[in-house]
Amino acid sequence: MIKTKNKKDNIRKKHRGIRKKISGTSECPRLAVHKSGKHIYAQIIDDTKGLTLAAASTVSLKSEKIADTEAAKKVGEELAKAAKKAKVKDVVFDRGGFVYHGKIAALADAAREGGLNF
């Protein structure tokens, strides 16, 4: 893989490769994760209809601890609750080009504990 000038470009390039391989359907929507310097965001998306079925973020939680692993766990739990309301059980995980470690893994584990299957 050819490295680009900065970290954001590398993440975007990885995400494009991931998105070529996976997409969300009505039966199994996509759980997309994005993290910025301050916040972490997660959405459950039906790509065939172009709809966001459920979403959660540290912005909506208004947590004091911004974008650490504890906040990521809370986002995962809230997303699982919102998914239950939307009657979604199975999802495809889209890590958004980020390494599956730390905050991303914490969010995924909390979502699994909340009842999502992926």
PDB file of N, CA and C in Angstrom:
ATOM      1  N   MET A   1       0.834  -1.169   0.000  1.00  0.00           N
ATOM      2  CA  MET A   1       0.000   0.000   0.000  1.00  0.00           C
ATOM      3  C   MET A   1       0.884   1.240   0.000  1.00  0.00           C
ATOM      4  N   ILE A   2       0.580   2.149  -0.856  1.00  0.00           N
ATOM      5  CA  ILE A   2       1.351   3.381  -0.961  1.00  0.00           C
ATOM      6  C   ILE A   2       0.857   4.360   0.093  1.00  0.00           C
ATOM      7  N   LYS A   3       1.767   4.849   0.888  1.00  0.00           N
ATOM      8  CA  LYS A   3       1.419   5.817   1.918  1.00  0.00           C
ATOM      9  C   LYS A   3       1.258   7.192   1.286  1.00  0.00           C
ATOM     10  N   THR A   4       0.263   7.918   1.763  1.00  0.00           N
ATOM     11  CA  THR A   4       0.057   9.286   1.296  1.00  0.00           C
ATOM     12  C   THR A   4       0.686  10.251   2.292  1.00  0.00           C
ATOM     13  N   LYS A   5       0.462  11.512   2.089  1.00  0.00           N
ATOM     14  CA  LYS A   5       1.144  12.526   2.888  1.00  0.00           C
ATOM     15  C   LYS A   5       0.700  12.571   4.345  1.00  0.00           C
ATOM     16  N   ASN A   6      -0.572  12.327   4.612  1.00  0.00           N
ATOM     17  CA  ASN A   6      -0.998  12.462   5.997  1.00  0.00           C
ATOM     18  C   ASN A   6      -1.884  11.306   6.441  1.00  0.00           C
ATOM     19  N   LYS A   7      -2.140  11.270   7.744  1.00  0.00           N
ATOM     20  CA  LYS A   7      -2.877  10.177   8.362  1.00  0.00           C
ATOM     21  C   LYS A   7      -4.329  10.103   7.875  1.00  0.00           C
ATOM     22  N   LYS A   8      -4.984  11.254   7.710  1.00  0.00           N
ATOM     23  CA  LYS A   8      -6.383  11.260   7.271  1.00  0.00           C
ATOM     24  C   LYS A   8      -6.534  10.651   5.887  1.00  0.00           C
ATOM     25  N   ASP A   9      -5.607  10.953   4.990  1.00  0.00           N
ATOM     26  CA  ASP A   9      -5.667  10.372   3.651  1.00  0.00           C
ATOM     27  C   ASP A   9      -5.489   8.859   3.691  1.00  0.00           C
ATOM     28  N   ASN A  10      -4.600   8.378   4.564  1.00  0.00           N
ATOM     29  CA  ASN A  10      -4.405   6.936   4.707  1.00  0.00           C
ATOM     30  C   ASN A  10      -5.683   6.267   5.202  1.00  0.00           C
ATOM     31  N   ILE A  11      -6.357   6.889   6.177  1.00  0.00           N
ATOM     32  CA  ILE A  11      -7.596   6.329   6.715  1.00  0.00           C
ATOM     33  C   ILE A  11      -8.680   6.319   5.642  1.00  0.00           C
ATOM     34  N   ARG A  12      -8.800   7.413   4.890  1.00  0.00           N
ATOM     35  CA  ARG A  12      -9.800   7.472   3.818  1.00  0.00           C
ATOM     36  C   ARG A  12      -9.545   6.408   2.764  1.00  0.00           C
ATOM     37  N   LYS A  13      -8.287   6.177   2.433  1.00  0.00           N
ATOM     38  CA  LYS A  13      -7.932   5.175   1.429  1.00  0.00           C
ATOM     39  C   LYS A  13      -8.302   3.762   1.916  1.00  0.00           C
ATOM     40  N   LYS A  14      -8.022   3.471   3.191  1.00  0.00           N
ATOM     41  CA  LYS A  14      -8.392   2.177   3.764  1.00  0.00           C
ATOM     42  C   LYS A  14      -9.911   2.012   3.772  1.00  0.00           C
ATOM     43  N   HIS A  15     -10.631   3.090   4.110  1.00  0.00           N
ATOM     44  CA  HIS A  15     -12.085   3.019   4.179  1.00  0.00           C
ATOM     45  C   HIS A  15     -12.699   2.752   2.804  1.00  0.00           C
ATOM     46  N   ARG A  16     -12.149   3.342   1.771  1.00  0.00           N
ATOM     47  CA  ARG A  16     -12.642   3.066   0.415  1.00  0.00           C
ATOM     48  C   ARG A  16     -12.493   1.584   0.080  1.00  0.00           C
ATOM     49  N   GLY A  17     -11.383   0.984   0.472  1.00  0.00           N
ATOM     50  CA  GLY A  17     -11.182  -0.446   0.236  1.00  0.00           C
ATOM     51  C   GLY A  17     -12.163  -1.298   1.006  1.00  0.00           C
ATOM     52  N   ILE A  18     -12.452  -0.903   2.237  1.00  0.00           N
ATOM     53  CA  ILE A  18     -13.418  -1.634   3.062  1.00  0.00           C
ATOM     54  C   ILE A  18     -14.814  -1.523   2.456  1.00  0.00           C
ATOM     55  N   ARG A  19     -15.190  -0.317   2.021  1.00  0.00           N
ATOM     56  CA  ARG A  19     -16.530  -0.095   1.482  1.00  0.00           C
ATOM     57  C   ARG A  19     -16.765  -0.806   0.155  1.00  0.00           C
ATOM     58  N   LYS A  20     -15.702  -1.139  -0.560  1.00  0.00           N
ATOM     59  CA  LYS A  20     -15.862  -1.931  -1.782  1.00  0.00           C
ATOM     60  C   LYS A  20     -16.331  -3.341  -1.454  1.00  0.00           C
ATOM     61  N   LYS A  21     -15.966  -3.817  -0.275  1.00  0.00           N
ATOM     62  CA  LYS A  21     -16.253  -5.196   0.106  1.00  0.00           C
ATOM     63  C   LYS A  21     -17.551  -5.367   0.882  1.00  0.00           C
ATOM     64  N   ILE A  22     -17.957  -4.362   1.651  1.00  0.00           N
ATOM     65  CA  ILE A  22     -19.160  -4.516   2.474  1.00  0.00           C
ATOM     66  C   ILE A  22     -20.175  -3.418   2.194  1.00  0.00           C
ATOM     67  N   SER A  23     -21.441  -3.747   2.381  1.00  0.00           N
ATOM     68  CA  SER A  23     -22.507  -2.750   2.349  1.00  0.00           C
ATOM     69  C   SER A  23     -23.671  -3.288   3.165  1.00  0.00           C
ATOM     70  N   GLY A  24     -24.494  -2.386   3.642  1.00  0.00           N
ATOM     71  CA  GLY A  24     -25.622  -2.768   4.474  1.00  0.00           C
ATOM     72  C   GLY A  24     -26.876  -2.986   3.654  1.00  0.00           C
ATOM     73  N   THR A  25     -27.645  -3.988   4.048  1.00  0.00           N
ATOM     74  CA  THR A  25     -28.923  -4.273   3.406  1.00  0.00           C
ATOM     75  C   THR A  25     -30.034  -4.102   4.435  1.00  0.00           C
ATOM     76  N   SER A  26     -31.261  -4.307   4.013  1.00  0.00           N
ATOM     77  CA  SER A  26     -32.382  -4.204   4.943  1.00  0.00           C
ATOM     78  C   SER A  26     -32.312  -5.295   6.010  1.00  0.00           C
ATOM     79  N   GLU A  27     -31.878  -6.496   5.617  1.00  0.00           N
ATOM     80  CA  GLU A  27     -31.791  -7.605   6.560  1.00  0.00           C
ATOM     81  C   GLU A  27     -30.581  -7.469   7.481  1.00  0.00           C
ATOM     82  N   CYS A  28     -29.482  -6.950   6.953  1.00  0.00           N
ATOM     83  CA  CYS A  28     -28.241  -6.838   7.710  1.00  0.00           C
ATOM     84  C   CYS A  28     -27.589  -5.481   7.421  1.00  0.00           C
ATOM     85  N   PRO A  29     -27.990  -4.423   8.123  1.00  0.00           N
ATOM     86  CA  PRO A  29     -27.439  -3.098   7.858  1.00  0.00           C
ATOM     87  C   PRO A  29     -25.978  -2.965   8.307  1.00  0.00           C
ATOM     88  N   ARG A  30     -25.375  -1.858   7.954  1.00  0.00           N
ATOM     89  CA  ARG A  30     -23.958  -1.611   8.228  1.00  0.00           C
ATOM     90  C   ARG A  30     -23.825  -0.738   9.469  1.00  0.00           C
ATOM     91  N   LEU A  31     -22.955  -1.156  10.390  1.00  0.00           N
ATOM     92  CA  LEU A  31     -22.638  -0.362  11.559  1.00  0.00           C
ATOM     93  C   LEU A  31     -21.347   0.397  11.237  1.00  0.00           C
ATOM     94  N   ALA A  32     -21.466   1.681  10.946  1.00  0.00           N
ATOM     95  CA  ALA A  32     -20.325   2.499  10.554  1.00  0.00           C
ATOM     96  C   ALA A  32     -19.818   3.294  11.750  1.00  0.00           C
ATOM     97  N   VAL A  33     -18.501   3.300  11.941  1.00  0.00           N
ATOM     98  CA  VAL A  33     -17.873   3.993  13.056  1.00  0.00           C
ATOM     99  C   VAL A  33     -16.933   5.058  12.508  1.00  0.00           C
ATOM    100  N   HIS A  34     -16.961   6.233  13.126  1.00  0.00           N
ATOM    101  CA  HIS A  34     -16.022   7.295  12.776  1.00  0.00           C
ATOM    102  C   HIS A  34     -15.533   7.930  14.064  1.00  0.00           C
ATOM    103  N   LYS A  35     -14.259   8.248  14.100  1.00  0.00           N
ATOM    104  CA  LYS A  35     -13.757   8.964  15.265  1.00  0.00           C
ATOM    105  C   LYS A  35     -12.955  10.167  14.803  1.00  0.00           C
ATOM    106  N   SER A  36     -13.146  11.249  15.542  1.00  0.00           N
ATOM    107  CA  SER A  36     -12.377  12.464  15.297  1.00  0.00           C
ATOM    108  C   SER A  36     -11.442  12.649  16.487  1.00  0.00           C
ATOM    109  N   GLY A  37     -10.794  13.778  16.552  1.00  0.00           N
ATOM    110  CA  GLY A  37      -9.912  14.040  17.674  1.00  0.00           C
ATOM    111  C   GLY A  37     -10.647  14.151  18.992  1.00  0.00           C
ATOM    112  N   LYS A  38     -11.887  14.627  18.946  1.00  0.00           N
ATOM    113  CA  LYS A  38     -12.649  14.849  20.176  1.00  0.00           C
ATOM    114  C   LYS A  38     -13.795  13.877  20.402  1.00  0.00           C
ATOM    115  N   HIS A  39     -14.385  13.345  19.342  1.00  0.00           N
ATOM    116  CA  HIS A  39     -15.610  12.570  19.483  1.00  0.00           C
ATOM    117  C   HIS A  39     -15.539  11.258  18.710  1.00  0.00           C
ATOM    118  N   ILE A  40     -16.474  10.369  19.047  1.00  0.00           N
ATOM    119  CA  ILE A  40     -16.636   9.110  18.322  1.00  0.00           C
ATOM    120  C   ILE A  40     -18.111   8.986  17.945  1.00  0.00           C
ATOM    121  N   TYR A  41     -18.366   8.563  16.726  1.00  0.00           N
ATOM    122  CA  TYR A  41     -19.709   8.483  16.167  1.00  0.00           C
ATOM    123  C   TYR A  41     -19.959   7.072  15.650  1.00  0.00           C
ATOM    124  N   ALA A  42     -21.200   6.600  15.767  1.00  0.00           N
ATOM    125  CA  ALA A  42     -21.573   5.295  15.228  1.00  0.00           C
ATOM    126  C   ALA A  42     -22.990   5.379  14.670  1.00  0.00           C
ATOM    127  N   GLN A  43     -23.196   4.755  13.507  1.00  0.00           N
ATOM    128  CA  GLN A  43     -24.510   4.740  12.869  1.00  0.00           C
ATOM    129  C   GLN A  43     -24.805   3.347  12.345  1.00  0.00           C
ATOM    130  N   ILE A  44     -26.069   2.998  12.317  1.00  0.00           N
ATOM    131  CA  ILE A  44     -26.508   1.779  11.646  1.00  0.00           C
ATOM    132  C   ILE A  44     -27.236   2.228  10.391  1.00  0.00           C
ATOM    133  N   ILE A  45     -26.716   1.809   9.231  1.00  0.00           N
ATOM    134  CA  ILE A  45     -27.155   2.343   7.947  1.00  0.00           C
ATOM    135  C   ILE A  45     -27.652   1.232   7.035  1.00  0.00           C
ATOM    136  N   ASP A  46     -28.801   1.465   6.394  1.00  0.00           N
ATOM    137  CA  ASP A  46     -29.301   0.606   5.324  1.00  0.00           C
ATOM    138  C   ASP A  46     -28.869   1.256   4.012  1.00  0.00           C
ATOM    139  N   ASP A  47     -27.842   0.699   3.374  1.00  0.00           N
ATOM    140  CA  ASP A  47     -27.281   1.307   2.162  1.00  0.00           C
ATOM    141  C   ASP A  47     -28.190   1.164   0.948  1.00  0.00           C
ATOM    142  N   THR A  48     -29.054   0.155   0.910  1.00  0.00           N
ATOM    143  CA  THR A  48     -29.934  -0.015  -0.245  1.00  0.00           C
ATOM    144  C   THR A  48     -30.975   1.102  -0.311  1.00  0.00           C
ATOM    145  N   LYS A  49     -31.465   1.542   0.849  1.00  0.00           N
ATOM    146  CA  LYS A  49     -32.457   2.619   0.899  1.00  0.00           C
ATOM    147  C   LYS A  49     -31.821   3.975   1.183  1.00  0.00           C
ATOM    148  N   GLY A  50     -30.583   3.975   1.668  1.00  0.00           N
ATOM    149  CA  GLY A  50     -29.923   5.216   2.015  1.00  0.00           C
ATOM    150  C   GLY A  50     -30.457   5.824   3.298  1.00  0.00           C
ATOM    151  N   LEU A  51     -30.801   4.981   4.267  1.00  0.00           N
ATOM    152  CA  LEU A  51     -31.386   5.446   5.529  1.00  0.00           C
ATOM    153  C   LEU A  51     -30.475   5.138   6.708  1.00  0.00           C
ATOM    154  N   THR A  52     -30.437   6.045   7.667  1.00  0.00           N
ATOM    155  CA  THR A  52     -29.788   5.787   8.940  1.00  0.00           C
ATOM    156  C   THR A  52     -30.864   5.283   9.891  1.00  0.00           C
ATOM    157  N   LEU A  53     -30.706   4.055  10.359  1.00  0.00           N
ATOM    158  CA  LEU A  53     -31.709   3.432  11.219  1.00  0.00           C
ATOM    159  C   LEU A  53     -31.521   3.794  12.688  1.00  0.00           C
ATOM    160  N   ALA A  54     -30.261   3.946  13.112  1.00  0.00           N
ATOM    161  CA  ALA A  54     -29.955   4.297  14.497  1.00  0.00           C
ATOM    162  C   ALA A  54     -28.600   4.983  14.525  1.00  0.00           C
ATOM    163  N   ALA A  55     -28.411   5.848  15.512  1.00  0.00           N
ATOM    164  CA  ALA A  55     -27.140   6.558  15.631  1.00  0.00           C
ATOM    165  C   ALA A  55     -26.872   6.907  17.087  1.00  0.00           C
ATOM    166  N   ALA A  56     -25.587   7.020  17.420  1.00  0.00           N
ATOM    167  CA  ALA A  56     -25.166   7.450  18.748  1.00  0.00           C
ATOM    168  C   ALA A  56     -23.774   8.072  18.623  1.00  0.00           C
ATOM    169  N   SER A  57     -23.476   8.990  19.516  1.00  0.00           N
ATOM    170  CA  SER A  57     -22.155   9.612  19.510  1.00  0.00           C
ATOM    171  C   SER A  57     -21.871  10.211  20.874  1.00  0.00           C
ATOM    172  N   THR A  58     -20.624  10.588  21.093  1.00  0.00           N
ATOM    173  CA  THR A  58     -20.283  11.261  22.341  1.00  0.00           C
ATOM    174  C   THR A  58     -20.888  12.654  22.383  1.00  0.00           C
ATOM    175  N   VAL A  59     -21.181  13.222  21.227  1.00  0.00           N
ATOM    176  CA  VAL A  59     -21.837  14.530  21.181  1.00  0.00           C
ATOM    177  C   VAL A  59     -23.253  14.415  21.726  1.00  0.00           C
ATOM    178  N   SER A  60     -23.993  13.389  21.298  1.00  0.00           N
ATOM    179  CA  SER A  60     -25.371  13.218  21.763  1.00  0.00           C
ATOM    180  C   SER A  60     -25.435  12.798  23.235  1.00  0.00           C
ATOM    181  N   LEU A  61     -24.398  12.100  23.711  1.00  0.00           N
ATOM    182  CA  LEU A  61     -24.374  11.691  25.119  1.00  0.00           C
ATOM    183  C   LEU A  61     -23.963  12.825  26.043  1.00  0.00           C
ATOM    184  N   LYS A  62     -23.277  13.826  25.491  1.00  0.00           N
ATOM    185  CA  LYS A  62     -22.775  14.962  26.270  1.00  0.00           C
ATOM    186  C   LYS A  62     -21.972  14.474  27.468  1.00  0.00           C
ATOM    187  N   SER A  63     -21.097  13.505  27.213  1.00  0.00           N
ATOM    188  CA  SER A  63     -20.288  12.948  28.289  1.00  0.00           C
ATOM    189  C   SER A  63     -19.135  13.882  28.626  1.00  0.00           C
ATOM    190  N   GLU A  64     -18.699  13.813  29.880  1.00  0.00           N
ATOM    191  CA  GLU A  64     -17.584  14.646  30.313  1.00  0.00           C
ATOM    192  C   GLU A  64     -16.272  14.128  29.742  1.00  0.00           C
ATOM    193  N   LYS A  65     -16.143  12.811  29.702  1.00  0.00           N
ATOM    194  CA  LYS A  65     -14.949  12.208  29.121  1.00  0.00           C
ATOM    195  C   LYS A  65     -15.164  12.121  27.616  1.00  0.00           C
ATOM    196  N   ILE A  66     -14.410  12.887  26.885  1.00  0.00           N
ATOM    197  CA  ILE A  66     -14.622  12.946  25.447  1.00  0.00           C
ATOM    198  C   ILE A  66     -13.662  12.002  24.745  1.00  0.00           C
ATOM    199  N   ALA A  67     -14.211  11.096  23.942  1.00  0.00           N
ATOM    200  CA  ALA A  67     -13.474  10.211  23.035  1.00  0.00           C
ATOM    201  C   ALA A  67     -12.396   9.384  23.715  1.00  0.00           C
ATOM    202  N   ASP A  68     -12.699   8.801  24.867  1.00  0.00           N
ATOM    203  CA  ASP A  68     -11.814   7.784  25.404  1.00  0.00           C
ATOM    204  C   ASP A  68     -12.543   6.451  25.354  1.00  0.00           C
ATOM    205  N   THR A  69     -11.927   5.389  25.842  1.00  0.00           N
ATOM    206  CA  THR A  69     -12.539   4.069  25.704  1.00  0.00           C
ATOM    207  C   THR A  69     -13.832   3.947  26.506  1.00  0.00           C
ATOM    208  N   GLU A  70     -13.921   4.622  27.651  1.00  0.00           N
ATOM    209  CA  GLU A  70     -15.165   4.582  28.431  1.00  0.00           C
ATOM    210  C   GLU A  70     -16.302   5.252  27.664  1.00  0.00           C
ATOM    211  N   ALA A  71     -16.016   6.370  27.033  1.00  0.00           N
ATOM    212  CA  ALA A  71     -17.029   7.057  26.233  1.00  0.00           C
ATOM    213  C   ALA A  71     -17.430   6.190  25.043  1.00  0.00           C
ATOM    214  N   ALA A  72     -16.473   5.489  24.446  1.00  0.00           N
ATOM    215  CA  ALA A  72     -16.768   4.608  23.319  1.00  0.00           C
ATOM    216  C   ALA A  72     -17.688   3.467  23.754  1.00  0.00           C
ATOM    217  N   LYS A  73     -17.471   2.946  24.958  1.00  0.00           N
ATOM    218  CA  LYS A  73     -18.352   1.895  25.486  1.00  0.00           C
ATOM    219  C   LYS A  73     -19.777   2.417  25.643  1.00  0.00           C
ATOM    220  N   LYS A  74     -19.910   3.640  26.154  1.00  0.00           N
ATOM    221  CA  LYS A  74     -21.239   4.230  26.330  1.00  0.00           C
ATOM    222  C   LYS A  74     -21.925   4.432  24.981  1.00  0.00           C
ATOM    223  N   VAL A  75     -21.164   4.829  23.976  1.00  0.00           N
ATOM    224  CA  VAL A  75     -21.731   5.001  22.631  1.00  0.00           C
ATOM    225  C   VAL A  75     -22.205   3.652  22.098  1.00  0.00           C
ATOM    226  N   GLY A  76     -21.421   2.597  22.305  1.00  0.00           N
ATOM    227  CA  GLY A  76     -21.826   1.255  21.882  1.00  0.00           C
ATOM    228  C   GLY A  76     -23.095   0.783  22.560  1.00  0.00           C
ATOM    229  N   GLU A  77     -23.212   1.058  23.850  1.00  0.00           N
ATOM    230  CA  GLU A  77     -24.419   0.678  24.591  1.00  0.00           C
ATOM    231  C   GLU A  77     -25.638   1.444  24.088  1.00  0.00           C
ATOM    232  N   GLU A  78     -25.484   2.747  23.878  1.00  0.00           N
ATOM    233  CA  GLU A  78     -26.593   3.564  23.380  1.00  0.00           C
ATOM    234  C   GLU A  78     -27.008   3.142  21.971  1.00  0.00           C
ATOM    235  N   LEU A  79     -26.026   2.794  21.159  1.00  0.00           N
ATOM    236  CA  LEU A  79     -26.329   2.344  19.799  1.00  0.00           C
ATOM    237  C   LEU A  79     -27.104   1.033  19.827  1.00  0.00           C
ATOM    238  N   ALA A  80     -26.733   0.127  20.731  1.00  0.00           N
ATOM    239  CA  ALA A  80     -27.452  -1.145  20.854  1.00  0.00           C
ATOM    240  C   ALA A  80     -28.902  -0.910  21.288  1.00  0.00           C
ATOM    241  N   LYS A  81     -29.116   0.041  22.200  1.00  0.00           N
ATOM    242  CA  LYS A  81     -30.484   0.371  22.619  1.00  0.00           C
ATOM    243  C   LYS A  81     -31.292   0.943  21.459  1.00  0.00           C
ATOM    244  N   ALA A  82     -30.664   1.839  20.702  1.00  0.00           N
ATOM    245  CA  ALA A  82     -31.351   2.437  19.548  1.00  0.00           C
ATOM    246  C   ALA A  82     -31.628   1.380  18.480  1.00  0.00           C
ATOM    247  N   ALA A  83     -30.734   0.410  18.336  1.00  0.00           N
ATOM    248  CA  ALA A  83     -30.940  -0.663  17.359  1.00  0.00           C
ATOM    249  C   ALA A  83     -32.111  -1.553  17.760  1.00  0.00           C
ATOM    250  N   LYS A  84     -32.260  -1.794  19.057  1.00  0.00           N
ATOM    251  CA  LYS A  84     -33.397  -2.584  19.526  1.00  0.00           C
ATOM    252  C   LYS A  84     -34.709  -1.885  19.204  1.00  0.00           C
ATOM    253  N   LYS A  85     -34.734  -0.561  19.375  1.00  0.00           N
ATOM    254  CA  LYS A  85     -35.943   0.199  19.043  1.00  0.00           C
ATOM    255  C   LYS A  85     -36.236   0.129  17.550  1.00  0.00           C
ATOM    256  N   ALA A  86     -35.189   0.075  16.738  1.00  0.00           N
ATOM    257  CA  ALA A  86     -35.351  -0.010  15.278  1.00  0.00           C
ATOM    258  C   ALA A  86     -35.509  -1.455  14.809  1.00  0.00           C
ATOM    259  N   LYS A  87     -35.526  -2.396  15.770  1.00  0.00           N
ATOM    260  CA  LYS A  87     -35.686  -3.822  15.488  1.00  0.00           C
ATOM    261  C   LYS A  87     -34.586  -4.369  14.590  1.00  0.00           C
ATOM    262  N   VAL A  88     -33.354  -4.024  14.926  1.00  0.00           N
ATOM    263  CA  VAL A  88     -32.178  -4.501  14.200  1.00  0.00           C
ATOM    264  C   VAL A  88     -31.374  -5.381  15.140  1.00  0.00           C
ATOM    265  N   LYS A  89     -31.029  -6.596  14.687  1.00  0.00           N
ATOM    266  CA  LYS A  89     -30.210  -7.503  15.488  1.00  0.00           C
ATOM    267  C   LYS A  89     -28.862  -7.771  14.834  1.00  0.00           C
ATOM    268  N   ASP A  90     -28.874  -8.055  13.535  1.00  0.00           N
ATOM    269  CA  ASP A  90     -27.650  -8.404  12.821  1.00  0.00           C
ATOM    270  C   ASP A  90     -27.139  -7.213  12.034  1.00  0.00           C
ATOM    271  N   VAL A  91     -25.837  -6.960  12.127  1.00  0.00           N
ATOM    272  CA  VAL A  91     -25.212  -5.861  11.391  1.00  0.00           C
ATOM    273  C   VAL A  91     -23.879  -6.322  10.812  1.00  0.00           C
ATOM    274  N   VAL A  92     -23.380  -5.542   9.852  1.00  0.00           N
ATOM    275  CA  VAL A  92     -22.044  -5.730   9.302  1.00  0.00           C
ATOM    276  C   VAL A  92     -21.199  -4.590   9.859  1.00  0.00           C
ATOM    277  N   PHE A  93     -20.046  -4.905  10.435  1.00  0.00           N
ATOM    278  CA  PHE A  93     -19.228  -3.879  11.096  1.00  0.00           C
ATOM    279  C   PHE A  93     -18.305  -3.203  10.092  1.00  0.00           C
ATOM    280  N   ASP A  94     -18.373  -1.875  10.046  1.00  0.00           N
ATOM    281  CA  ASP A  94     -17.517  -1.052   9.191  1.00  0.00           C
ATOM    282  C   ASP A  94     -16.671  -0.183  10.110  1.00  0.00           C
ATOM    283  N   ARG A  95     -15.399  -0.530  10.249  1.00  0.00           N
ATOM    284  CA  ARG A  95     -14.527   0.179  11.180  1.00  0.00           C
ATOM    285  C   ARG A  95     -14.056   1.516  10.636  1.00  0.00           C
ATOM    286  N   GLY A  96     -14.418   1.861   9.430  1.00  0.00           N
ATOM    287  CA  GLY A  96     -14.143   3.175   8.871  1.00  0.00           C
ATOM    288  C   GLY A  96     -12.693   3.454   8.555  1.00  0.00           C
ATOM    289  N   GLY A  97     -11.898   2.417   8.333  1.00  0.00           N
ATOM    290  CA  GLY A  97     -10.485   2.618   8.029  1.00  0.00           C
ATOM    291  C   GLY A  97      -9.613   2.706   9.265  1.00  0.00           C
ATOM    292  N   PHE A  98     -10.225   2.706  10.440  1.00  0.00           N
ATOM    293  CA  PHE A  98      -9.462   2.774  11.678  1.00  0.00           C
ATOM    294  C   PHE A  98      -9.060   1.371  12.118  1.00  0.00           C
ATOM    295  N   VAL A  99      -7.981   1.274  12.876  1.00  0.00           N
ATOM    296  CA  VAL A  99      -7.503  -0.006  13.373  1.00  0.00           C
ATOM    297  C   VAL A  99      -8.486  -0.524  14.419  1.00  0.00           C
ATOM    298  N   TYR A 100      -8.799  -1.821  14.363  1.00  0.00           N
ATOM    299  CA  TYR A 100      -9.718  -2.431  15.329  1.00  0.00           C
ATOM    300  C   TYR A 100      -8.955  -2.641  16.635  1.00  0.00           C
ATOM    301  N   HIS A 101      -8.880  -1.576  17.418  1.00  0.00           N
ATOM    302  CA  HIS A 101      -8.127  -1.591  18.664  1.00  0.00           C
ATOM    303  C   HIS A 101      -8.582  -0.395  19.490  1.00  0.00           C
ATOM    304  N   GLY A 102      -8.497  -0.486  20.784  1.00  0.00           N
ATOM    305  CA  GLY A 102      -8.805   0.654  21.641  1.00  0.00           C
ATOM    306  C   GLY A 102     -10.259   1.065  21.593  1.00  0.00           C
ATOM    307  N   LYS A 103     -10.507   2.299  21.157  1.00  0.00           N
ATOM    308  CA  LYS A 103     -11.856   2.866  21.160  1.00  0.00           C
ATOM    309  C   LYS A 103     -12.796   2.125  20.228  1.00  0.00           C
ATOM    310  N   ILE A 104     -12.313   1.745  19.044  1.00  0.00           N
ATOM    311  CA  ILE A 104     -13.153   1.033  18.070  1.00  0.00           C
ATOM    312  C   ILE A 104     -13.549  -0.331  18.628  1.00  0.00           C
ATOM    313  N   ALA A 105     -12.595  -1.047  19.215  1.00  0.00           N
ATOM    314  CA  ALA A 105     -12.883  -2.358  19.800  1.00  0.00           C
ATOM    315  C   ALA A 105     -13.814  -2.226  20.998  1.00  0.00           C
ATOM    316  N   ALA A 106     -13.636  -1.187  21.814  1.00  0.00           N
ATOM    317  CA  ALA A 106     -14.495  -0.983  22.977  1.00  0.00           C
ATOM    318  C   ALA A 106     -15.933  -0.731  22.545  1.00  0.00           C
ATOM    319  N   LEU A 107     -16.120   0.085  21.516  1.00  0.00           N
ATOM    320  CA  LEU A 107     -17.457   0.358  20.988  1.00  0.00           C
ATOM    321  C   LEU A 107     -18.088  -0.926  20.457  1.00  0.00           C
ATOM    322  N   ALA A 108     -17.321  -1.711  19.709  1.00  0.00           N
ATOM    323  CA  ALA A 108     -17.845  -2.955  19.132  1.00  0.00           C
ATOM    324  C   ALA A 108     -18.226  -3.954  20.223  1.00  0.00           C
ATOM    325  N   ASP A 109     -17.385  -4.098  21.243  1.00  0.00           N
ATOM    326  CA  ASP A 109     -17.679  -5.032  22.332  1.00  0.00           C
ATOM    327  C   ASP A 109     -18.935  -4.625  23.099  1.00  0.00           C
ATOM    328  N   ALA A 110     -19.081  -3.324  23.352  1.00  0.00           N
ATOM    329  CA  ALA A 110     -20.277  -2.838  24.053  1.00  0.00           C
ATOM    330  C   ALA A 110     -21.527  -3.039  23.229  1.00  0.00           C
ATOM    331  N   ALA A 111     -21.424  -2.870  21.922  1.00  0.00           N
ATOM    332  CA  ALA A 111     -22.581  -3.097  21.043  1.00  0.00           C
ATOM    333  C   ALA A 111     -22.956  -4.575  21.032  1.00  0.00           C
ATOM    334  N   ARG A 112     -21.955  -5.452  21.040  1.00  0.00           N
ATOM    335  CA  ARG A 112     -22.237  -6.891  21.092  1.00  0.00           C
ATOM    336  C   ARG A 112     -22.915  -7.260  22.410  1.00  0.00           C
ATOM    337  N   GLU A 113     -22.418  -6.718  23.513  1.00  0.00           N
ATOM    338  CA  GLU A 113     -23.020  -6.991  24.809  1.00  0.00           C
ATOM    339  C   GLU A 113     -24.449  -6.461  24.884  1.00  0.00           C
ATOM    340  N   GLY A 114     -24.723  -5.386  24.134  1.00  0.00           N
ATOM    341  CA  GLY A 114     -26.068  -4.812  24.104  1.00  0.00           C
ATOM    342  C   GLY A 114     -27.047  -5.582  23.239  1.00  0.00           C
ATOM    343  N   GLY A 115     -26.559  -6.589  22.501  1.00  0.00           N
ATOM    344  CA  GLY A 115     -27.465  -7.441  21.736  1.00  0.00           C
ATOM    345  C   GLY A 115     -27.272  -7.452  20.226  1.00  0.00           C
ATOM    346  N   LEU A 116     -26.319  -6.697  19.697  1.00  0.00           N
ATOM    347  CA  LEU A 116     -26.076  -6.732  18.245  1.00  0.00           C
ATOM    348  C   LEU A 116     -25.182  -7.915  17.893  1.00  0.00           C
ATOM    349  N   ASN A 117     -25.455  -8.509  16.750  1.00  0.00           N
ATOM    350  CA  ASN A 117     -24.656  -9.642  16.253  1.00  0.00           C
ATOM    351  C   ASN A 117     -23.859  -9.210  15.026  1.00  0.00           C
ATOM    352  N   PHE A 118     -22.547  -9.384  15.091  1.00  0.00           N
ATOM    353  CA  PHE A 118     -21.671  -9.163  13.942  1.00  0.00           C
ATOM    354  C   PHE A 118     -20.377  -9.881  14.121  1.00  0.00           C
TER     355      PHE A 118
END
